[in-house]
Amino acid sequence: MTHYYEENDLERFNEIGKYRPDLYDNFMTYYQGVMSAGALSVREKALIALAVAHAVQCPYCIDAYTRGSLEAGSNLEEMTEAIHVASAIRGGATLIHGIQAANAAAKITL
């Protein structure tokens, strides 16, 4: 094993349902409903999923939604932009927590 994540594990996702198939089936029904076209297109949802996959740093999701985005008609320029949106939001979320640190520091007297 040269790395922690095994690419082929993505194909084994359904094994998660082995011991509680009812919960797995409930999740899959929900997931399929969420990812189906609605107010947002399948293409838009795949781009959102790709951006979120990067924000939560899930290599399995990155692989899946890279493929999903391409299959839904997105290109690398759009995908890269979506990833930058996730990066900007994640960076901003990190920075705003600096206010939390400043608030905590203001309450501490050394």
PDB file of N, CA and C in Angstrom:
ATOM      1  N   MET A   1       0.850  -1.169   0.000  1.00  0.00           N
ATOM      2  CA  MET A   1       0.000   0.000   0.000  1.00  0.00           C
ATOM      3  C   MET A   1       0.896   1.232   0.000  1.00  0.00           C
ATOM      4  N   THR A   2       0.748   2.067  -1.029  1.00  0.00           N
ATOM      5  CA  THR A   2       1.570   3.259  -1.124  1.00  0.00           C
ATOM      6  C   THR A   2       0.861   4.495  -0.568  1.00  0.00           C
ATOM      7  N   HIS A   3      -0.430   4.396  -0.297  1.00  0.00           N
ATOM      8  CA  HIS A   3      -1.180   5.510   0.255  1.00  0.00           C
ATOM      9  C   HIS A   3      -2.368   4.971   1.036  1.00  0.00           C
ATOM     10  N   TYR A   4      -2.985   5.825   1.805  1.00  0.00           N
ATOM     11  CA  TYR A   4      -4.053   5.409   2.706  1.00  0.00           C
ATOM     12  C   TYR A   4      -5.330   5.038   1.966  1.00  0.00           C
ATOM     13  N   TYR A   5      -5.718   5.832   0.998  1.00  0.00           N
ATOM     14  CA  TYR A   5      -6.949   5.609   0.257  1.00  0.00           C
ATOM     15  C   TYR A   5      -6.694   4.681  -0.917  1.00  0.00           C
ATOM     16  N   GLU A   6      -7.548   3.690  -1.067  1.00  0.00           N
ATOM     17  CA  GLU A   6      -7.447   2.759  -2.181  1.00  0.00           C
ATOM     18  C   GLU A   6      -8.510   3.116  -3.211  1.00  0.00           C
ATOM     19  N   GLU A   7      -8.084   3.467  -4.394  1.00  0.00           N
ATOM     20  CA  GLU A   7      -8.988   3.901  -5.453  1.00  0.00           C
ATOM     21  C   GLU A   7     -10.121   2.904  -5.686  1.00  0.00           C
ATOM     22  N   ASN A   8      -9.824   1.623  -5.628  1.00  0.00           N
ATOM     23  CA  ASN A   8     -10.838   0.598  -5.892  1.00  0.00           C
ATOM     24  C   ASN A   8     -11.897   0.513  -4.800  1.00  0.00           C
ATOM     25  N   ASP A   9     -11.641   1.096  -3.644  1.00  0.00           N
ATOM     26  CA  ASP A   9     -12.642   1.070  -2.578  1.00  0.00           C
ATOM     27  C   ASP A   9     -13.919   1.801  -2.974  1.00  0.00           C
ATOM     28  N   LEU A  10     -13.816   2.781  -3.837  1.00  0.00           N
ATOM     29  CA  LEU A  10     -15.004   3.508  -4.282  1.00  0.00           C
ATOM     30  C   LEU A  10     -16.018   2.556  -4.911  1.00  0.00           C
ATOM     31  N   GLU A  11     -15.537   1.589  -5.640  1.00  0.00           N
ATOM     32  CA  GLU A  11     -16.417   0.599  -6.270  1.00  0.00           C
ATOM     33  C   GLU A  11     -17.083  -0.314  -5.239  1.00  0.00           C
ATOM     34  N   ARG A  12     -16.584  -0.325  -4.019  1.00  0.00           N
ATOM     35  CA  ARG A  12     -17.096  -1.184  -2.961  1.00  0.00           C
ATOM     36  C   ARG A  12     -18.077  -0.449  -2.038  1.00  0.00           C
ATOM     37  N   PHE A  13     -18.514   0.739  -2.429  1.00  0.00           N
ATOM     38  CA  PHE A  13     -19.345   1.568  -1.561  1.00  0.00           C
ATOM     39  C   PHE A  13     -20.561   0.819  -1.035  1.00  0.00           C
ATOM     40  N   ASN A  14     -21.171  -0.010  -1.874  1.00  0.00           N
ATOM     41  CA  ASN A  14     -22.389  -0.703  -1.450  1.00  0.00           C
ATOM     42  C   ASN A  14     -22.144  -1.677  -0.295  1.00  0.00           C
ATOM     43  N   GLU A  15     -20.905  -2.043  -0.037  1.00  0.00           N
ATOM     44  CA  GLU A  15     -20.604  -2.921   1.093  1.00  0.00           C
ATOM     45  C   GLU A  15     -20.937  -2.262   2.431  1.00  0.00           C
ATOM     46  N   ILE A  16     -21.056  -0.945   2.430  1.00  0.00           N
ATOM     47  CA  ILE A  16     -21.435  -0.224   3.649  1.00  0.00           C
ATOM     48  C   ILE A  16     -22.794  -0.711   4.146  1.00  0.00           C
ATOM     49  N   GLY A  17     -23.630  -1.173   3.232  1.00  0.00           N
ATOM     50  CA  GLY A  17     -24.972  -1.637   3.591  1.00  0.00           C
ATOM     51  C   GLY A  17     -25.049  -3.064   4.089  1.00  0.00           C
ATOM     52  N   LYS A  18     -23.936  -3.724   4.217  1.00  0.00           N
ATOM     53  CA  LYS A  18     -23.936  -5.155   4.567  1.00  0.00           C
ATOM     54  C   LYS A  18     -24.656  -5.448   5.885  1.00  0.00           C
ATOM     55  N   TYR A  19     -24.386  -4.684   6.907  1.00  0.00           N
ATOM     56  CA  TYR A  19     -24.918  -4.993   8.228  1.00  0.00           C
ATOM     57  C   TYR A  19     -26.197  -4.245   8.578  1.00  0.00           C
ATOM     58  N   ARG A  20     -26.458  -3.155   7.879  1.00  0.00           N
ATOM     59  CA  ARG A  20     -27.710  -2.411   8.069  1.00  0.00           C
ATOM     60  C   ARG A  20     -28.245  -1.988   6.712  1.00  0.00           C
ATOM     61  N   PRO A  21     -28.716  -2.959   5.926  1.00  0.00           N
ATOM     62  CA  PRO A  21     -29.191  -2.631   4.577  1.00  0.00           C
ATOM     63  C   PRO A  21     -30.354  -1.640   4.573  1.00  0.00           C
ATOM     64  N   ASP A  22     -31.160  -1.639   5.618  1.00  0.00           N
ATOM     65  CA  ASP A  22     -32.271  -0.695   5.687  1.00  0.00           C
ATOM     66  C   ASP A  22     -31.763   0.742   5.715  1.00  0.00           C
ATOM     67  N   LEU A  23     -30.731   1.007   6.511  1.00  0.00           N
ATOM     68  CA  LEU A  23     -30.177   2.358   6.582  1.00  0.00           C
ATOM     69  C   LEU A  23     -29.486   2.738   5.282  1.00  0.00           C
ATOM     70  N   TYR A  24     -28.763   1.787   4.707  1.00  0.00           N
ATOM     71  CA  TYR A  24     -28.093   2.035   3.430  1.00  0.00           C
ATOM     72  C   TYR A  24     -29.126   2.351   2.348  1.00  0.00           C
ATOM     73  N   ASP A  25     -30.178   1.558   2.274  1.00  0.00           N
ATOM     74  CA  ASP A  25     -31.222   1.789   1.275  1.00  0.00           C
ATOM     75  C   ASP A  25     -31.891   3.144   1.477  1.00  0.00           C
ATOM     76  N   ASN A  26     -32.137   3.518   2.738  1.00  0.00           N
ATOM     77  CA  ASN A  26     -32.714   4.836   3.015  1.00  0.00           C
ATOM     78  C   ASN A  26     -31.785   5.945   2.536  1.00  0.00           C
ATOM     79  N   PHE A  27     -30.496   5.794   2.831  1.00  0.00           N
ATOM     80  CA  PHE A  27     -29.530   6.794   2.391  1.00  0.00           C
ATOM     81  C   PHE A  27     -29.496   6.879   0.869  1.00  0.00           C
ATOM     82  N   MET A  28     -29.449   5.730   0.200  1.00  0.00           N
ATOM     83  CA  MET A  28     -29.350   5.730  -1.260  1.00  0.00           C
ATOM     84  C   MET A  28     -30.588   6.343  -1.907  1.00  0.00           C
ATOM     85  N   THR A  29     -31.765   6.082  -1.346  1.00  0.00           N
ATOM     86  CA  THR A  29     -32.986   6.700  -1.870  1.00  0.00           C
ATOM     87  C   THR A  29     -32.902   8.214  -1.729  1.00  0.00           C
ATOM     88  N   TYR A  30     -32.472   8.669  -0.558  1.00  0.00           N
ATOM     89  CA  TYR A  30     -32.299  10.101  -0.325  1.00  0.00           C
ATOM     90  C   TYR A  30     -31.250  10.686  -1.270  1.00  0.00           C
ATOM     91  N   TYR A  31     -30.094  10.047  -1.340  1.00  0.00           N
ATOM     92  CA  TYR A  31     -28.995  10.512  -2.176  1.00  0.00           C
ATOM     93  C   TYR A  31     -29.425  10.630  -3.635  1.00  0.00           C
ATOM     94  N   GLN A  32     -30.075   9.602  -4.146  1.00  0.00           N
ATOM     95  CA  GLN A  32     -30.498   9.623  -5.546  1.00  0.00           C
ATOM     96  C   GLN A  32     -31.520  10.724  -5.799  1.00  0.00           C
ATOM     97  N   GLY A  33     -32.383  10.969  -4.837  1.00  0.00           N
ATOM     98  CA  GLY A  33     -33.335  12.068  -4.972  1.00  0.00           C
ATOM     99  C   GLY A  33     -32.645  13.415  -4.984  1.00  0.00           C
ATOM    100  N   VAL A  34     -31.684  13.580  -4.084  1.00  0.00           N
ATOM    101  CA  VAL A  34     -30.941  14.842  -4.001  1.00  0.00           C
ATOM    102  C   VAL A  34     -30.181  15.104  -5.290  1.00  0.00           C
ATOM    103  N   MET A  35     -29.550  14.085  -5.836  1.00  0.00           N
ATOM    104  CA  MET A  35     -28.680  14.270  -7.002  1.00  0.00           C
ATOM    105  C   MET A  35     -29.432  14.274  -8.333  1.00  0.00           C
ATOM    106  N   SER A  36     -30.740  14.021  -8.305  1.00  0.00           N
ATOM    107  CA  SER A  36     -31.548  14.079  -9.529  1.00  0.00           C
ATOM    108  C   SER A  36     -31.837  15.535  -9.895  1.00  0.00           C
ATOM    109  N   ALA A  37     -32.160  15.750 -11.162  1.00  0.00           N
ATOM    110  CA  ALA A  37     -32.500  17.101 -11.619  1.00  0.00           C
ATOM    111  C   ALA A  37     -33.719  17.607 -10.865  1.00  0.00           C
ATOM    112  N   GLY A  38     -33.652  18.847 -10.490  1.00  0.00           N
ATOM    113  CA  GLY A  38     -34.756  19.519  -9.806  1.00  0.00           C
ATOM    114  C   GLY A  38     -34.659  20.993 -10.158  1.00  0.00           C
ATOM    115  N   ALA A  39     -34.651  21.855  -9.160  1.00  0.00           N
ATOM    116  CA  ALA A  39     -34.430  23.274  -9.413  1.00  0.00           C
ATOM    117  C   ALA A  39     -33.031  23.487  -9.980  1.00  0.00           C
ATOM    118  N   LEU A  40     -32.104  22.602  -9.614  1.00  0.00           N
ATOM    119  CA  LEU A  40     -30.748  22.601 -10.177  1.00  0.00           C
ATOM    120  C   LEU A  40     -30.608  21.410 -11.111  1.00  0.00           C
ATOM    121  N   SER A  41     -29.819  21.587 -12.143  1.00  0.00           N
ATOM    122  CA  SER A  41     -29.572  20.494 -13.085  1.00  0.00           C
ATOM    123  C   SER A  41     -28.608  19.479 -12.488  1.00  0.00           C
ATOM    124  N   VAL A  42     -28.556  18.296 -13.065  1.00  0.00           N
ATOM    125  CA  VAL A  42     -27.592  17.280 -12.652  1.00  0.00           C
ATOM    126  C   VAL A  42     -26.175  17.834 -12.797  1.00  0.00           C
ATOM    127  N   ARG A  43     -25.919  18.586 -13.851  1.00  0.00           N
ATOM    128  CA  ARG A  43     -24.604  19.187 -14.076  1.00  0.00           C
ATOM    129  C   ARG A  43     -24.236  20.147 -12.952  1.00  0.00           C
ATOM    130  N   GLU A  44     -25.172  21.013 -12.570  1.00  0.00           N
ATOM    131  CA  GLU A  44     -24.917  21.967 -11.489  1.00  0.00           C
ATOM    132  C   GLU A  44     -24.667  21.246 -10.161  1.00  0.00           C
ATOM    133  N   LYS A  45     -25.457  20.225  -9.904  1.00  0.00           N
ATOM    134  CA  LYS A  45     -25.287  19.464  -8.663  1.00  0.00           C
ATOM    135  C   LYS A  45     -23.946  18.735  -8.633  1.00  0.00           C
ATOM    136  N   ALA A  46     -23.517  18.219  -9.766  1.00  0.00           N
ATOM    137  CA  ALA A  46     -22.216  17.545  -9.819  1.00  0.00           C
ATOM    138  C   ALA A  46     -21.084  18.539  -9.536  1.00  0.00           C
ATOM    139  N   LEU A  47     -21.192  19.760 -10.057  1.00  0.00           N
ATOM    140  CA  LEU A  47     -20.176  20.784  -9.777  1.00  0.00           C
ATOM    141  C   LEU A  47     -20.172  21.177  -8.294  1.00  0.00           C
ATOM    142  N   ILE A  48     -21.357  21.310  -7.715  1.00  0.00           N
ATOM    143  CA  ILE A  48     -21.438  21.609  -6.278  1.00  0.00           C
ATOM    144  C   ILE A  48     -20.804  20.465  -5.488  1.00  0.00           C
ATOM    145  N   ALA A  49     -21.139  19.241  -5.857  1.00  0.00           N
ATOM    146  CA  ALA A  49     -20.585  18.077  -5.161  1.00  0.00           C
ATOM    147  C   ALA A  49     -19.067  18.032  -5.295  1.00  0.00           C
ATOM    148  N   LEU A  50     -18.557  18.380  -6.467  1.00  0.00           N
ATOM    149  CA  LEU A  50     -17.108  18.404  -6.664  1.00  0.00           C
ATOM    150  C   LEU A  50     -16.456  19.442  -5.751  1.00  0.00           C
ATOM    151  N   ALA A  51     -17.065  20.613  -5.654  1.00  0.00           N
ATOM    152  CA  ALA A  51     -16.525  21.661  -4.789  1.00  0.00           C
ATOM    153  C   ALA A  51     -16.566  21.225  -3.328  1.00  0.00           C
ATOM    154  N   VAL A  52     -17.678  20.662  -2.894  1.00  0.00           N
ATOM    155  CA  VAL A  52     -17.805  20.195  -1.514  1.00  0.00           C
ATOM    156  C   VAL A  52     -16.812  19.074  -1.243  1.00  0.00           C
ATOM    157  N   ALA A  53     -16.627  18.181  -2.213  1.00  0.00           N
ATOM    158  CA  ALA A  53     -15.666  17.084  -2.062  1.00  0.00           C
ATOM    159  C   ALA A  53     -14.271  17.612  -1.753  1.00  0.00           C
ATOM    160  N   HIS A  54     -13.916  18.711  -2.394  1.00  0.00           N
ATOM    161  CA  HIS A  54     -12.611  19.316  -2.117  1.00  0.00           C
ATOM    162  C   HIS A  54     -12.598  19.975  -0.737  1.00  0.00           C
ATOM    163  N   ALA A  55     -13.690  20.624  -0.372  1.00  0.00           N
ATOM    164  CA  ALA A  55     -13.742  21.288   0.934  1.00  0.00           C
ATOM    165  C   ALA A  55     -13.652  20.279   2.073  1.00  0.00           C
ATOM    166  N   VAL A  56     -14.286  19.117   1.913  1.00  0.00           N
ATOM    167  CA  VAL A  56     -14.237  18.098   2.973  1.00  0.00           C
ATOM    168  C   VAL A  56     -13.075  17.132   2.762  1.00  0.00           C
ATOM    169  N   GLN A  57     -12.347  17.327   1.693  1.00  0.00           N
ATOM    170  CA  GLN A  57     -11.125  16.580   1.366  1.00  0.00           C
ATOM    171  C   GLN A  57     -11.359  15.070   1.310  1.00  0.00           C
ATOM    172  N   CYS A  58     -12.376  14.680   0.530  1.00  0.00           N
ATOM    173  CA  CYS A  58     -12.697  13.263   0.348  1.00  0.00           C
ATOM    174  C   CYS A  58     -12.191  12.806  -1.017  1.00  0.00           C
ATOM    175  N   PRO A  59     -11.103  12.053  -1.055  1.00  0.00           N
ATOM    176  CA  PRO A  59     -10.565  11.636  -2.348  1.00  0.00           C
ATOM    177  C   PRO A  59     -11.528  10.759  -3.143  1.00  0.00           C
ATOM    178  N   TYR A  60     -12.334   9.954  -2.454  1.00  0.00           N
ATOM    179  CA  TYR A  60     -13.318   9.130  -3.157  1.00  0.00           C
ATOM    180  C   TYR A  60     -14.345  10.019  -3.856  1.00  0.00           C
ATOM    181  N   CYS A  61     -14.799  11.042  -3.133  1.00  0.00           N
ATOM    182  CA  CYS A  61     -15.777  11.969  -3.701  1.00  0.00           C
ATOM    183  C   CYS A  61     -15.174  12.792  -4.831  1.00  0.00           C
ATOM    184  N   ILE A  62     -13.919  13.183  -4.671  1.00  0.00           N
ATOM    185  CA  ILE A  62     -13.252  13.934  -5.736  1.00  0.00           C
ATOM    186  C   ILE A  62     -13.221  13.099  -7.008  1.00  0.00           C
ATOM    187  N   ASP A  63     -12.846  11.832  -6.888  1.00  0.00           N
ATOM    188  CA  ASP A  63     -12.844  10.947  -8.061  1.00  0.00           C
ATOM    189  C   ASP A  63     -14.244  10.821  -8.655  1.00  0.00           C
ATOM    190  N   ALA A  64     -15.226  10.549  -7.791  1.00  0.00           N
ATOM    191  CA  ALA A  64     -16.596  10.318  -8.270  1.00  0.00           C
ATOM    192  C   ALA A  64     -17.180  11.553  -8.939  1.00  0.00           C
ATOM    193  N   TYR A  65     -16.985  12.733  -8.334  1.00  0.00           N
ATOM    194  CA  TYR A  65     -17.622  13.930  -8.876  1.00  0.00           C
ATOM    195  C   TYR A  65     -16.809  14.597  -9.973  1.00  0.00           C
ATOM    196  N   THR A  66     -15.539  14.246 -10.093  1.00  0.00           N
ATOM    197  CA  THR A  66     -14.809  14.634 -11.298  1.00  0.00           C
ATOM    198  C   THR A  66     -15.431  13.909 -12.476  1.00  0.00           C
ATOM    199  N   ARG A  67     -15.602  12.608 -12.323  1.00  0.00           N
ATOM    200  CA  ARG A  67     -16.250  11.814 -13.377  1.00  0.00           C
ATOM    201  C   ARG A  67     -17.679  12.305 -13.626  1.00  0.00           C
ATOM    202  N   GLY A  68     -18.421  12.502 -12.545  1.00  0.00           N
ATOM    203  CA  GLY A  68     -19.807  12.945 -12.680  1.00  0.00           C
ATOM    204  C   GLY A  68     -19.928  14.288 -13.365  1.00  0.00           C
ATOM    205  N   SER A  69     -19.027  15.196 -13.043  1.00  0.00           N
ATOM    206  CA  SER A  69     -19.053  16.522 -13.681  1.00  0.00           C
ATOM    207  C   SER A  69     -18.747  16.415 -15.164  1.00  0.00           C
ATOM    208  N   LEU A  70     -17.736  15.634 -15.497  1.00  0.00           N
ATOM    209  CA  LEU A  70     -17.400  15.446 -16.911  1.00  0.00           C
ATOM    210  C   LEU A  70     -18.546  14.775 -17.666  1.00  0.00           C
ATOM    211  N   GLU A  71     -19.123  13.746 -17.069  1.00  0.00           N
ATOM    212  CA  GLU A  71     -20.234  13.032 -17.721  1.00  0.00           C
ATOM    213  C   GLU A  71     -21.465  13.914 -17.878  1.00  0.00           C
ATOM    214  N   ALA A  72     -21.632  14.879 -16.970  1.00  0.00           N
ATOM    215  CA  ALA A  72     -22.786  15.790 -17.048  1.00  0.00           C
ATOM    216  C   ALA A  72     -22.538  16.964 -17.990  1.00  0.00           C
ATOM    217  N   GLY A  73     -21.329  17.033 -18.566  1.00  0.00           N
ATOM    218  CA  GLY A  73     -21.062  18.056 -19.565  1.00  0.00           C
ATOM    219  C   GLY A  73     -20.191  19.211 -19.111  1.00  0.00           C
ATOM    220  N   SER A  74     -19.658  19.154 -17.916  1.00  0.00           N
ATOM    221  CA  SER A  74     -18.765  20.222 -17.465  1.00  0.00           C
ATOM    222  C   SER A  74     -17.382  20.023 -18.066  1.00  0.00           C
ATOM    223  N   ASN A  75     -16.611  21.103 -18.039  1.00  0.00           N
ATOM    224  CA  ASN A  75     -15.231  21.011 -18.518  1.00  0.00           C
ATOM    225  C   ASN A  75     -14.284  21.389 -17.381  1.00  0.00           C
ATOM    226  N   LEU A  76     -12.992  21.231 -17.623  1.00  0.00           N
ATOM    227  CA  LEU A  76     -12.015  21.489 -16.563  1.00  0.00           C
ATOM    228  C   LEU A  76     -12.004  22.942 -16.103  1.00  0.00           C
ATOM    229  N   GLU A  77     -12.303  23.873 -16.991  1.00  0.00           N
ATOM    230  CA  GLU A  77     -12.354  25.274 -16.581  1.00  0.00           C
ATOM    231  C   GLU A  77     -13.466  25.486 -15.550  1.00  0.00           C
ATOM    232  N   GLU A  78     -14.655  24.954 -15.812  1.00  0.00           N
ATOM    233  CA  GLU A  78     -15.768  25.088 -14.872  1.00  0.00           C
ATOM    234  C   GLU A  78     -15.480  24.354 -13.564  1.00  0.00           C
ATOM    235  N   MET A  79     -14.916  23.168 -13.680  1.00  0.00           N
ATOM    236  CA  MET A  79     -14.611  22.376 -12.493  1.00  0.00           C
ATOM    237  C   MET A  79     -13.575  23.081 -11.624  1.00  0.00           C
ATOM    238  N   THR A  80     -12.562  23.638 -12.260  1.00  0.00           N
ATOM    239  CA  THR A  80     -11.523  24.357 -11.516  1.00  0.00           C
ATOM    240  C   THR A  80     -12.109  25.579 -10.828  1.00  0.00           C
ATOM    241  N   GLU A  81     -12.999  26.269 -11.503  1.00  0.00           N
ATOM    242  CA  GLU A  81     -13.636  27.433 -10.891  1.00  0.00           C
ATOM    243  C   GLU A  81     -14.464  27.027  -9.680  1.00  0.00           C
ATOM    244  N   ALA A  82     -15.189  25.932  -9.791  1.00  0.00           N
ATOM    245  CA  ALA A  82     -15.982  25.433  -8.659  1.00  0.00           C
ATOM    246  C   ALA A  82     -15.076  25.095  -7.477  1.00  0.00           C
ATOM    247  N   ILE A  83     -13.938  24.491  -7.758  1.00  0.00           N
ATOM    248  CA  ILE A  83     -12.979  24.150  -6.701  1.00  0.00           C
ATOM    249  C   ILE A  83     -12.440  25.422  -6.050  1.00  0.00           C
ATOM    250  N   HIS A  84     -12.203  26.465  -6.849  1.00  0.00           N
ATOM    251  CA  HIS A  84     -11.739  27.737  -6.287  1.00  0.00           C
ATOM    252  C   HIS A  84     -12.812  28.372  -5.408  1.00  0.00           C
ATOM    253  N   VAL A  85     -14.079  28.229  -5.789  1.00  0.00           N
ATOM    254  CA  VAL A  85     -15.162  28.744  -4.945  1.00  0.00           C
ATOM    255  C   VAL A  85     -15.110  28.054  -3.580  1.00  0.00           C
ATOM    256  N   ALA A  86     -14.963  26.730  -3.585  1.00  0.00           N
ATOM    257  CA  ALA A  86     -14.877  25.993  -2.325  1.00  0.00           C
ATOM    258  C   ALA A  86     -13.680  26.464  -1.509  1.00  0.00           C
ATOM    259  N   SER A  87     -12.564  26.680  -2.174  1.00  0.00           N
ATOM    260  CA  SER A  87     -11.350  27.133  -1.495  1.00  0.00           C
ATOM    261  C   SER A  87     -11.559  28.512  -0.877  1.00  0.00           C
ATOM    262  N   ALA A  88     -12.210  29.396  -1.599  1.00  0.00           N
ATOM    263  CA  ALA A  88     -12.445  30.748  -1.090  1.00  0.00           C
ATOM    264  C   ALA A  88     -13.370  30.724   0.124  1.00  0.00           C
ATOM    265  N   ILE A  89     -14.408  29.911   0.065  1.00  0.00           N
ATOM    266  CA  ILE A  89     -15.338  29.816   1.187  1.00  0.00           C
ATOM    267  C   ILE A  89     -14.636  29.192   2.392  1.00  0.00           C
ATOM    268  N   ARG A  90     -13.868  28.130   2.145  1.00  0.00           N
ATOM    269  CA  ARG A  90     -13.132  27.467   3.235  1.00  0.00           C
ATOM    270  C   ARG A  90     -12.108  28.419   3.853  1.00  0.00           C
ATOM    271  N   GLY A  91     -11.428  29.178   2.998  1.00  0.00           N
ATOM    272  CA  GLY A  91     -10.453  30.148   3.503  1.00  0.00           C
ATOM    273  C   GLY A  91     -11.117  31.236   4.318  1.00  0.00           C
ATOM    274  N   GLY A  92     -12.239  31.744   3.833  1.00  0.00           N
ATOM    275  CA  GLY A  92     -12.973  32.771   4.571  1.00  0.00           C
ATOM    276  C   GLY A  92     -13.484  32.253   5.907  1.00  0.00           C
ATOM    277  N   ALA A  93     -13.957  31.017   5.906  1.00  0.00           N
ATOM    278  CA  ALA A  93     -14.445  30.417   7.145  1.00  0.00           C
ATOM    279  C   ALA A  93     -13.307  30.274   8.160  1.00  0.00           C
ATOM    280  N   THR A  94     -12.129  29.949   7.663  1.00  0.00           N
ATOM    281  CA  THR A  94     -10.968  29.852   8.543  1.00  0.00           C
ATOM    282  C   THR A  94     -10.622  31.227   9.111  1.00  0.00           C
ATOM    283  N   LEU A  95     -10.597  32.229   8.254  1.00  0.00           N
ATOM    284  CA  LEU A  95     -10.232  33.570   8.696  1.00  0.00           C
ATOM    285  C   LEU A  95     -11.225  34.151   9.691  1.00  0.00           C
ATOM    286  N   ILE A  96     -12.518  33.974   9.477  1.00  0.00           N
ATOM    287  CA  ILE A  96     -13.508  34.566  10.376  1.00  0.00           C
ATOM    288  C   ILE A  96     -13.395  33.985  11.773  1.00  0.00           C
ATOM    289  N   HIS A  97     -12.891  32.760  11.870  1.00  0.00           N
ATOM    290  CA  HIS A  97     -12.687  32.183  13.193  1.00  0.00           C
ATOM    291  C   HIS A  97     -11.542  32.871  13.945  1.00  0.00           C
ATOM    292  N   GLY A  98     -10.775  33.683  13.238  1.00  0.00           N
ATOM    293  CA  GLY A  98      -9.781  34.517  13.901  1.00  0.00           C
ATOM    294  C   GLY A  98     -10.440  35.502  14.855  1.00  0.00           C
ATOM    295  N   ILE A  99     -11.660  35.913  14.536  1.00  0.00           N
ATOM    296  CA  ILE A  99     -12.420  36.791  15.435  1.00  0.00           C
ATOM    297  C   ILE A  99     -12.725  36.040  16.727  1.00  0.00           C
ATOM    298  N   GLN A 100     -13.046  34.740  16.608  1.00  0.00           N
ATOM    299  CA  GLN A 100     -13.281  33.912  17.797  1.00  0.00           C
ATOM    300  C   GLN A 100     -12.048  33.894  18.675  1.00  0.00           C
ATOM    301  N   ALA A 101     -10.883  33.732  18.057  1.00  0.00           N
ATOM    302  CA  ALA A 101      -9.634  33.745  18.820  1.00  0.00           C
ATOM    303  C   ALA A 101      -9.410  35.098  19.480  1.00  0.00           C
ATOM    304  N   ALA A 102      -9.692  36.169  18.749  1.00  0.00           N
ATOM    305  CA  ALA A 102      -9.541  37.510  19.321  1.00  0.00           C
ATOM    306  C   ALA A 102     -10.496  37.718  20.486  1.00  0.00           C
ATOM    307  N   ASN A 103     -11.740  37.239  20.350  1.00  0.00           N
ATOM    308  CA  ASN A 103     -12.723  37.330  21.438  1.00  0.00           C
ATOM    309  C   ASN A 103     -12.233  36.566  22.667  1.00  0.00           C
ATOM    310  N   ALA A 104     -11.709  35.361  22.453  1.00  0.00           N
ATOM    311  CA  ALA A 104     -11.205  34.547  23.567  1.00  0.00           C
ATOM    312  C   ALA A 104     -10.012  35.227  24.228  1.00  0.00           C
ATOM    313  N   ALA A 105      -9.118  35.762  23.404  1.00  0.00           N
ATOM    314  CA  ALA A 105      -7.925  36.424  23.944  1.00  0.00           C
ATOM    315  C   ALA A 105      -8.303  37.647  24.783  1.00  0.00           C
ATOM    316  N   ALA A 106      -9.346  38.356  24.356  1.00  0.00           N
ATOM    317  CA  ALA A 106      -9.778  39.552  25.078  1.00  0.00           C
ATOM    318  C   ALA A 106     -10.308  39.212  26.477  1.00  0.00           C
ATOM    319  N   LYS A 107     -10.800  37.981  26.646  1.00  0.00           N
ATOM    320  CA  LYS A 107     -11.343  37.556  27.940  1.00  0.00           C
ATOM    321  C   LYS A 107     -10.268  37.006  28.871  1.00  0.00           C
ATOM    322  N   ILE A 108      -9.103  36.762  28.316  1.00  0.00           N
ATOM    323  CA  ILE A 108      -8.017  36.148  29.103  1.00  0.00           C
ATOM    324  C   ILE A 108      -7.075  37.216  29.579  1.00  0.00           C
ATOM    325  N   THR A 109      -6.829  37.221  30.860  1.00  0.00           N
ATOM    326  CA  THR A 109      -5.826  38.138  31.408  1.00  0.00           C
ATOM    327  C   THR A 109      -4.682  37.310  31.959  1.00  0.00           C
ATOM    328  N   LEU A 110      -3.520  37.575  31.462  1.00  0.00           N
ATOM    329  CA  LEU A 110      -2.336  36.840  31.927  1.00  0.00           C
ATOM    330  C   LEU A 110      -1.483  37.722  32.783  1.00  0.00           C
TER     331      LEU A 110
END
